[in-house]
């Protein structure tokens, strides 16, 4: 550290030649960056909450985590919101709103609308991981924490696409979290909440797979959980969705495992609780089969772009909602 201090003094006083200063500055920054990374590698836990509780860390950023089986990975930790300790486990990024269940629709189906694959890619309930934490607003992301961490609550951020991690919090168009410990009832994470099983009757009664035909809508459906807003409010949440469907939901919630009138599933209704049976206009993620409206419904953001395809009325979600990634955190 003494060497770095001397070099900084030299640079400040202009006591080194230009070429030497350039080389010294590069080396200095490189060394300081390595020191920061080495320091973070000594701070490791199974979740961001464990790191915060163990090491009293209060800085947002990328940290190293380790699974129960010993797999080490990096992800973003929100160490400030509502006491901090939130672990980024996934992001849903719509790479092409016009592509319906095509390549990149990992949270629904990348293989088109297929009745023989009612769960689509099964991403909500499998251990397939992809993407990087730093690129979570550039592409889809899912790390081992999604299925490994035993959590109690979730936090969801909607961040403009292609934003840098250091700007996520301030640039979010919507941020909220739950505080009811609802995940205690569903195995401690969304992997267990959405996971299906071999015994169909038990699945239908106990779990909530994102699978065609496993549920139905009767004036609303799903698991609604009240939320606490960190950015935005009920009014601004409603305005993120089409004006023609705002009487079909109640803001101030996040809802999981929802079905429309055709028994087609959607995984998450962000910021709202459905009271109607057209969640395709305001819910994210899905399975692999839609009996009607395939060219409209199929995809990670479902029918958020409905008016582009000639739909009557103002069903289309706000463009800033379509152009934002949904980041999912556990604590």
Protein backbone atom coordinates (compact mmCIF):
# COMPACT_ATOMS: atom_id res chain seq x y z
CA UNK A 1 0.00 0.00 0.00
CA UNK A 2 2.97 2.35 0.66
CA UNK A 3 4.07 1.98 -2.97
CA UNK A 4 0.62 2.96 -4.23
CA UNK A 5 0.56 6.00 -1.91
CA UNK A 6 3.97 7.18 -3.16
CA UNK A 7 2.93 6.75 -6.78
CA UNK A 8 -0.27 8.71 -6.24
CA UNK A 9 1.79 11.53 -4.66
CA UNK A 10 4.18 11.48 -7.60
CA UNK A 11 1.31 11.75 -10.06
CA UNK A 12 -0.34 14.55 -8.12
CA UNK A 13 2.87 16.60 -7.97
CA UNK A 14 3.81 15.96 -11.60
CA UNK A 15 7.16 14.48 -10.66
CA UNK A 16 7.19 11.72 -13.28
CA UNK A 17 7.58 11.89 -17.03
CA UNK A 18 4.45 11.63 -19.18
CA UNK A 19 5.29 8.13 -20.47
CA UNK A 20 6.20 6.98 -16.99
CA UNK A 21 3.01 8.49 -15.58
CA UNK A 22 0.85 6.70 -18.16
CA UNK A 23 2.48 3.38 -17.42
CA UNK A 24 2.41 4.00 -13.68
CA UNK A 25 -1.26 5.04 -13.74
CA UNK A 26 -2.24 1.91 -15.66
CA UNK A 27 -0.25 -0.36 -13.34
CA UNK A 28 -1.56 1.42 -10.26
CA UNK A 29 -5.19 1.11 -11.28
CA UNK A 30 -4.62 -2.52 -12.25
CA UNK A 31 -3.04 -3.28 -8.88
CA UNK A 32 -5.76 -1.49 -6.94
CA UNK A 33 -8.43 -3.32 -8.95
CA UNK A 34 -6.78 -6.67 -8.21
CA UNK A 35 -6.62 -5.82 -4.53
CA UNK A 36 -10.35 -5.06 -4.51
CA UNK A 37 -11.14 -8.36 -6.23
CA UNK A 38 -8.88 -10.31 -3.87
CA UNK A 39 -10.59 -8.66 -0.91
CA UNK A 40 -14.02 -9.62 -2.25
CA UNK A 41 -12.92 -13.21 -2.83
CA UNK A 42 -12.29 -13.47 0.90
CA UNK A 43 -15.88 -12.36 1.50
CA UNK A 44 -18.05 -15.26 0.39
CA UNK A 45 -21.35 -16.78 1.47
CA UNK A 46 -24.30 -18.75 0.21
CA UNK A 47 -26.34 -15.56 -0.23
CA UNK A 48 -25.91 -11.81 -0.12
CA UNK A 49 -27.78 -11.78 3.18
CA UNK A 50 -25.23 -14.17 4.66
CA UNK A 51 -22.40 -11.92 3.47
CA UNK A 52 -24.06 -8.83 4.92
CA UNK A 53 -24.81 -10.48 8.24
CA UNK A 54 -21.36 -12.07 8.54
CA UNK A 55 -19.11 -9.29 7.28
CA UNK A 56 -21.30 -6.22 7.87
CA UNK A 57 -21.02 -5.22 4.19
CA UNK A 58 -23.14 -2.28 3.03
CA UNK A 59 -21.92 -1.65 -0.55
CA UNK A 60 -23.99 -2.72 -3.59
CA UNK A 61 -22.09 -4.58 -6.28
CA UNK A 62 -20.81 -7.89 -7.62
CA UNK A 63 -19.87 -10.50 -5.00
CA UNK A 64 -18.82 -14.14 -4.94
CA UNK A 65 -21.33 -16.71 -3.67
CA UNK A 66 -21.02 -20.45 -3.13
CA UNK A 67 -23.76 -23.07 -3.39
CA UNK A 68 -24.41 -25.78 -0.85
CA UNK A 69 -22.55 -28.21 -3.11
CA UNK A 70 -19.52 -25.93 -3.49
CA UNK A 71 -20.11 -24.20 -6.84
CA UNK A 72 -18.70 -20.65 -6.79
CA UNK A 73 -20.32 -17.95 -8.90
CA UNK A 74 -20.67 -14.17 -9.06
CA UNK A 75 -23.82 -12.10 -8.80
CA UNK A 76 -25.07 -8.66 -7.87
CA UNK A 77 -25.92 -7.92 -4.24
CA UNK A 78 -28.28 -5.13 -3.21
CA UNK A 79 -26.93 -4.30 0.24
CA UNK A 80 -29.00 -1.16 0.84
CA UNK A 81 -32.70 -1.61 0.03
CA UNK A 82 -34.87 -2.26 3.10
CA UNK A 83 -31.90 -3.39 5.17
CA UNK A 84 -30.03 -4.97 2.23
CA UNK A 85 -28.94 -8.55 1.72
CA UNK A 86 -30.82 -9.10 -1.56
CA UNK A 87 -29.31 -11.62 -4.02
CA UNK A 88 -29.86 -11.23 -7.76
CA UNK A 89 -30.80 -14.70 -9.01
CA UNK A 90 -32.36 -14.06 -12.42
CA UNK A 91 -33.42 -11.56 -15.06
CA UNK A 92 -36.02 -11.71 -17.82
CA UNK A 93 -34.93 -9.71 -20.86
CA UNK A 94 -37.11 -9.46 -23.96
CA UNK A 95 -34.63 -9.59 -26.84
CA UNK A 96 -37.27 -9.36 -29.59
CA UNK A 97 -40.86 -8.46 -28.77
CA UNK A 98 -41.88 -9.40 -32.33
CA UNK A 99 -40.39 -12.88 -32.04
CA UNK A 100 -42.99 -15.17 -30.52
CA UNK A 101 -41.49 -18.19 -28.71
CA UNK A 102 -38.31 -17.88 -30.75
CA UNK A 103 -34.62 -17.93 -29.89
CA UNK A 104 -33.98 -15.96 -26.70
CA UNK A 105 -37.41 -16.62 -25.16
CA UNK A 106 -35.83 -18.74 -22.42
CA UNK A 107 -38.52 -17.95 -19.84
CA UNK A 108 -41.28 -19.35 -22.07
CA UNK A 109 -40.32 -21.39 -25.15
CA UNK A 110 -37.60 -21.08 -27.78
CA UNK A 111 -39.20 -23.78 -29.93
CA UNK A 112 -42.45 -22.21 -31.01
CA UNK A 113 -45.96 -23.02 -29.86
CA UNK A 114 -46.08 -26.79 -29.29
CA UNK A 115 -48.89 -28.73 -27.56
CA UNK A 116 -46.45 -31.59 -26.92
CA UNK A 117 -44.30 -29.25 -24.79
CA UNK A 118 -46.81 -27.56 -22.47
CA UNK A 119 -44.01 -26.37 -20.14
CA UNK A 120 -41.91 -24.83 -22.90
CA UNK A 121 -38.24 -24.56 -21.89
CA UNK A 122 -39.11 -25.32 -18.23
CA UNK A 123 -36.77 -22.53 -17.12
CA UNK A 124 -38.85 -21.57 -14.09
CA UNK A 125 -38.46 -25.08 -12.67
CA UNK A 126 -35.09 -26.42 -13.79
CA UNK A 127 -31.40 -25.97 -12.88
CA UNK A 128 -30.19 -24.68 -16.24
CA UNK A 129 -28.16 -21.49 -15.75
CA UNK A 130 -27.17 -18.85 -18.31
CA UNK A 131 -25.91 -15.30 -18.73
CA UNK A 132 -23.81 -13.11 -16.46
CA UNK A 133 -24.68 -10.84 -13.55
CA UNK A 134 -23.08 -7.79 -15.18
CA UNK A 135 -25.07 -8.47 -18.36
CA UNK A 136 -28.41 -9.06 -16.65
CA UNK A 137 -30.04 -6.14 -18.48
CA UNK A 138 -28.41 -7.08 -21.81
CA UNK A 139 -29.73 -10.65 -21.92
CA UNK A 140 -31.52 -13.25 -19.83
CA UNK A 141 -29.75 -14.34 -16.66
CA UNK A 142 -30.11 -17.19 -14.18
CA UNK A 143 -27.58 -18.32 -11.60
CA UNK A 144 -27.42 -21.28 -9.16
CA UNK A 145 -28.90 -19.12 -6.40
CA UNK A 146 -32.27 -19.36 -8.14
CA UNK A 147 -32.64 -22.94 -6.96
CA UNK A 148 -29.98 -23.17 -4.22
CA UNK A 149 -30.74 -20.26 -1.88
CA UNK A 150 -33.38 -20.75 0.80
CA UNK A 151 -35.09 -17.38 0.94
CA UNK A 152 -38.16 -15.83 2.50
CA UNK A 153 -38.97 -12.87 0.26
CA UNK A 154 -38.37 -11.45 -3.21
CA UNK A 155 -37.49 -8.06 -4.63
CA UNK A 156 -38.16 -7.11 -8.24
CA UNK A 157 -36.58 -4.30 -10.26
CA UNK A 158 -37.53 -3.20 -13.77
CA UNK A 159 -34.37 -1.66 -15.23
CA UNK A 160 -33.91 -0.18 -18.74
CA UNK A 161 -32.13 -2.60 -21.05
CA UNK A 162 -28.35 -2.35 -21.46
CA UNK A 163 -27.89 -0.42 -18.21
CA UNK A 164 -24.70 -0.83 -16.18
CA UNK A 165 -25.02 -2.49 -12.74
CA UNK A 166 -23.92 0.60 -10.85
CA UNK A 167 -26.87 2.51 -12.30
CA UNK A 168 -29.57 -0.15 -11.91
CA UNK A 169 -31.08 1.15 -8.70
CA UNK A 170 -31.38 4.79 -9.71
CA UNK A 171 -32.53 4.07 -13.25
CA UNK A 172 -35.26 1.56 -12.33
CA UNK A 173 -38.77 2.41 -13.52
CA UNK A 174 -40.22 0.16 -10.81
CA UNK A 175 -38.75 -1.46 -7.68
CA UNK A 176 -40.49 -3.23 -4.83
CA UNK A 177 -40.09 -6.06 -2.34
CA UNK A 178 -42.19 -8.40 -0.22
CA UNK A 179 -41.87 -8.78 3.54
CA UNK A 180 -44.39 -11.53 4.37
CA UNK A 181 -41.90 -14.44 4.24
CA UNK A 182 -44.24 -16.13 1.75
CA UNK A 183 -41.47 -18.34 0.35
CA UNK A 184 -41.49 -20.32 3.60
CA UNK A 185 -44.66 -21.95 2.25
CA UNK A 186 -43.12 -22.87 -1.09
CA UNK A 187 -39.77 -24.50 -0.37
CA UNK A 188 -37.75 -21.31 0.06
CA UNK A 189 -37.49 -20.18 -3.57
CA UNK A 190 -39.32 -19.91 -6.88
CA UNK A 191 -37.67 -23.04 -8.24
CA UNK A 192 -39.62 -25.07 -5.70
CA UNK A 193 -42.77 -22.99 -6.08
CA UNK A 194 -42.90 -23.60 -9.84
CA UNK A 195 -41.47 -27.11 -9.91
CA UNK A 196 -43.74 -29.87 -11.16
CA UNK A 197 -43.55 -33.53 -10.26
CA UNK A 198 -44.42 -36.97 -11.57
CA UNK A 199 -47.71 -37.17 -9.71
CA UNK A 200 -50.02 -34.80 -11.58
CA UNK A 201 -52.73 -34.63 -8.90
CA UNK A 202 -50.19 -33.72 -6.21
CA UNK A 203 -48.67 -31.11 -8.53
CA UNK A 204 -52.00 -29.50 -9.23
CA UNK A 205 -52.92 -29.29 -5.57
CA UNK A 206 -49.60 -28.48 -3.92
CA UNK A 207 -47.29 -26.84 -6.46
CA UNK A 208 -47.75 -24.30 -9.23
CA UNK A 209 -45.97 -25.35 -12.44
CA UNK A 210 -45.86 -22.98 -15.40
CA UNK A 211 -47.53 -25.54 -17.60
CA UNK A 212 -50.51 -25.43 -19.91
CA UNK A 213 -53.68 -26.95 -18.46
CA UNK A 214 -52.48 -27.07 -14.83
CA UNK A 215 -54.81 -24.31 -13.71
CA UNK A 216 -57.69 -22.12 -14.80
CA UNK A 217 -58.94 -18.59 -14.36
CA UNK A 218 -62.10 -17.84 -12.43
CA UNK A 219 -62.09 -14.08 -12.18
CA UNK A 220 -58.41 -14.00 -11.31
CA UNK A 221 -55.88 -16.65 -10.35
CA UNK A 222 -52.42 -17.20 -8.91
CA UNK A 223 -50.57 -16.50 -5.66
CA UNK A 224 -50.85 -12.75 -4.89
CA UNK A 225 -48.35 -11.28 -2.40
CA UNK A 226 -48.56 -7.65 -1.19
CA UNK A 227 -45.49 -5.52 -1.91
CA UNK A 228 -43.71 -2.49 -0.48
CA UNK A 229 -42.64 0.02 -3.13
CA UNK A 230 -39.02 1.19 -3.25
CA UNK A 231 -39.46 3.08 -6.53
CA UNK A 232 -42.90 3.89 -7.90
CA UNK A 233 -46.37 3.46 -6.42
CA UNK A 234 -49.73 1.91 -7.25
CA UNK A 235 -50.66 4.62 -9.72
CA UNK A 236 -47.39 4.53 -11.63
CA UNK A 237 -47.52 0.72 -11.70
CA UNK A 238 -50.95 0.77 -13.35
CA UNK A 239 -49.66 3.17 -16.00
CA UNK A 240 -47.02 0.64 -17.07
CA UNK A 241 -49.78 -1.52 -18.55
CA UNK A 242 -52.37 -0.89 -21.28
CA UNK A 243 -55.29 1.37 -20.41
CA UNK A 244 -57.78 -1.18 -21.77
CA UNK A 245 -56.81 -3.79 -19.16
CA UNK A 246 -56.30 -1.69 -16.03
CA UNK A 247 -59.70 -2.75 -14.70
CA UNK A 248 -58.44 -6.36 -14.79
CA UNK A 249 -55.90 -6.05 -12.00
CA UNK A 250 -55.19 -4.44 -8.65
CA UNK A 251 -51.77 -2.80 -8.16
CA UNK A 252 -49.70 -3.25 -5.02
CA UNK A 253 -48.97 -6.97 -5.38
CA UNK A 254 -46.75 -9.46 -7.15
CA UNK A 255 -48.56 -12.59 -8.32
CA UNK A 256 -47.14 -15.99 -9.26
CA UNK A 257 -48.51 -18.83 -11.40
CA UNK A 258 -51.43 -17.26 -13.24
CA UNK A 259 -53.65 -18.76 -15.95
CA UNK A 260 -55.76 -17.11 -18.63
CA UNK A 261 -59.18 -18.12 -19.92
CA UNK A 262 -57.55 -20.74 -22.20
CA UNK A 263 -55.64 -22.36 -19.29
CA UNK A 264 -52.34 -20.98 -20.64
CA UNK A 265 -49.89 -20.12 -17.83
CA UNK A 266 -47.93 -16.97 -17.00
CA UNK A 267 -45.25 -17.02 -14.30
CA UNK A 268 -45.17 -13.53 -12.75
CA UNK A 269 -47.51 -10.56 -12.77
CA UNK A 270 -45.22 -7.77 -11.65
CA UNK A 271 -46.65 -5.16 -9.31
CA UNK A 272 -50.24 -6.35 -9.65
CA UNK A 273 -52.87 -8.92 -8.70
CA UNK A 274 -55.05 -10.12 -11.63
CA UNK A 275 -58.81 -9.88 -11.17
CA UNK A 276 -59.60 -10.79 -14.77
CA UNK A 277 -58.66 -13.56 -17.17
CA UNK A 278 -56.39 -11.84 -19.70
CA UNK A 279 -53.02 -11.91 -17.89
CA UNK A 280 -51.20 -12.18 -21.20
CA UNK A 281 -51.37 -8.38 -21.39
CA UNK A 282 -49.72 -7.74 -18.02
CA UNK A 283 -47.83 -10.86 -16.88
CA UNK A 284 -44.37 -12.22 -17.78
CA UNK A 285 -43.06 -15.69 -18.65
CA UNK A 286 -45.03 -18.73 -19.72
CA UNK A 287 -45.17 -22.27 -20.96
CA UNK A 288 -44.93 -23.65 -24.46
CA UNK A 289 -48.52 -23.93 -25.66
CA UNK A 290 -51.23 -21.33 -26.23
CA UNK A 291 -54.46 -22.75 -27.73
CA UNK A 292 -55.48 -19.42 -29.29
CA UNK A 293 -53.56 -16.33 -30.36
CA UNK A 294 -50.18 -18.03 -30.76
CA UNK A 295 -48.73 -15.18 -32.82
CA UNK A 296 -49.75 -12.76 -30.08
CA UNK A 297 -49.28 -14.57 -26.77
CA UNK A 298 -46.22 -16.78 -27.07
CA UNK A 299 -43.00 -15.30 -25.65
CA UNK A 300 -41.35 -14.02 -22.47
CA UNK A 301 -43.36 -10.77 -22.49
CA UNK A 302 -46.45 -12.51 -23.88
CA UNK A 303 -48.89 -9.98 -25.45
CA UNK A 304 -47.29 -6.80 -24.10
CA UNK A 305 -47.14 -5.57 -27.72
CA UNK A 306 -50.71 -6.47 -28.67
CA UNK A 307 -51.55 -3.30 -30.63
CA UNK A 308 -48.54 -3.93 -32.90
CA UNK A 309 -50.41 -7.00 -34.09
CA UNK A 310 -53.66 -5.11 -34.72
CA UNK A 311 -55.48 -5.72 -31.44
CA UNK A 312 -58.49 -3.56 -30.64
CA UNK A 313 -58.15 -0.98 -27.88
CA UNK A 314 -55.15 0.08 -25.85
CA UNK A 315 -53.86 -3.27 -24.60
CA UNK A 316 -50.19 -2.56 -25.26
CA UNK A 317 -47.93 -2.10 -22.24
CA UNK A 318 -45.90 1.10 -21.92
CA UNK A 319 -42.87 1.06 -24.20
CA UNK A 320 -40.54 1.67 -21.25
CA UNK A 321 -41.89 -1.53 -19.66
CA UNK A 322 -41.23 -3.50 -22.85
CA UNK A 323 -37.73 -2.03 -23.06
CA UNK A 324 -36.81 -2.91 -19.47
CA UNK A 325 -35.47 -6.14 -17.97
CA UNK A 326 -37.10 -7.65 -14.90
CA UNK A 327 -34.48 -8.42 -12.23
CA UNK A 328 -35.40 -10.94 -9.57
CA UNK A 329 -33.79 -10.96 -6.11
CA UNK A 330 -34.09 -13.25 -3.05
CA UNK A 331 -33.60 -12.55 0.63
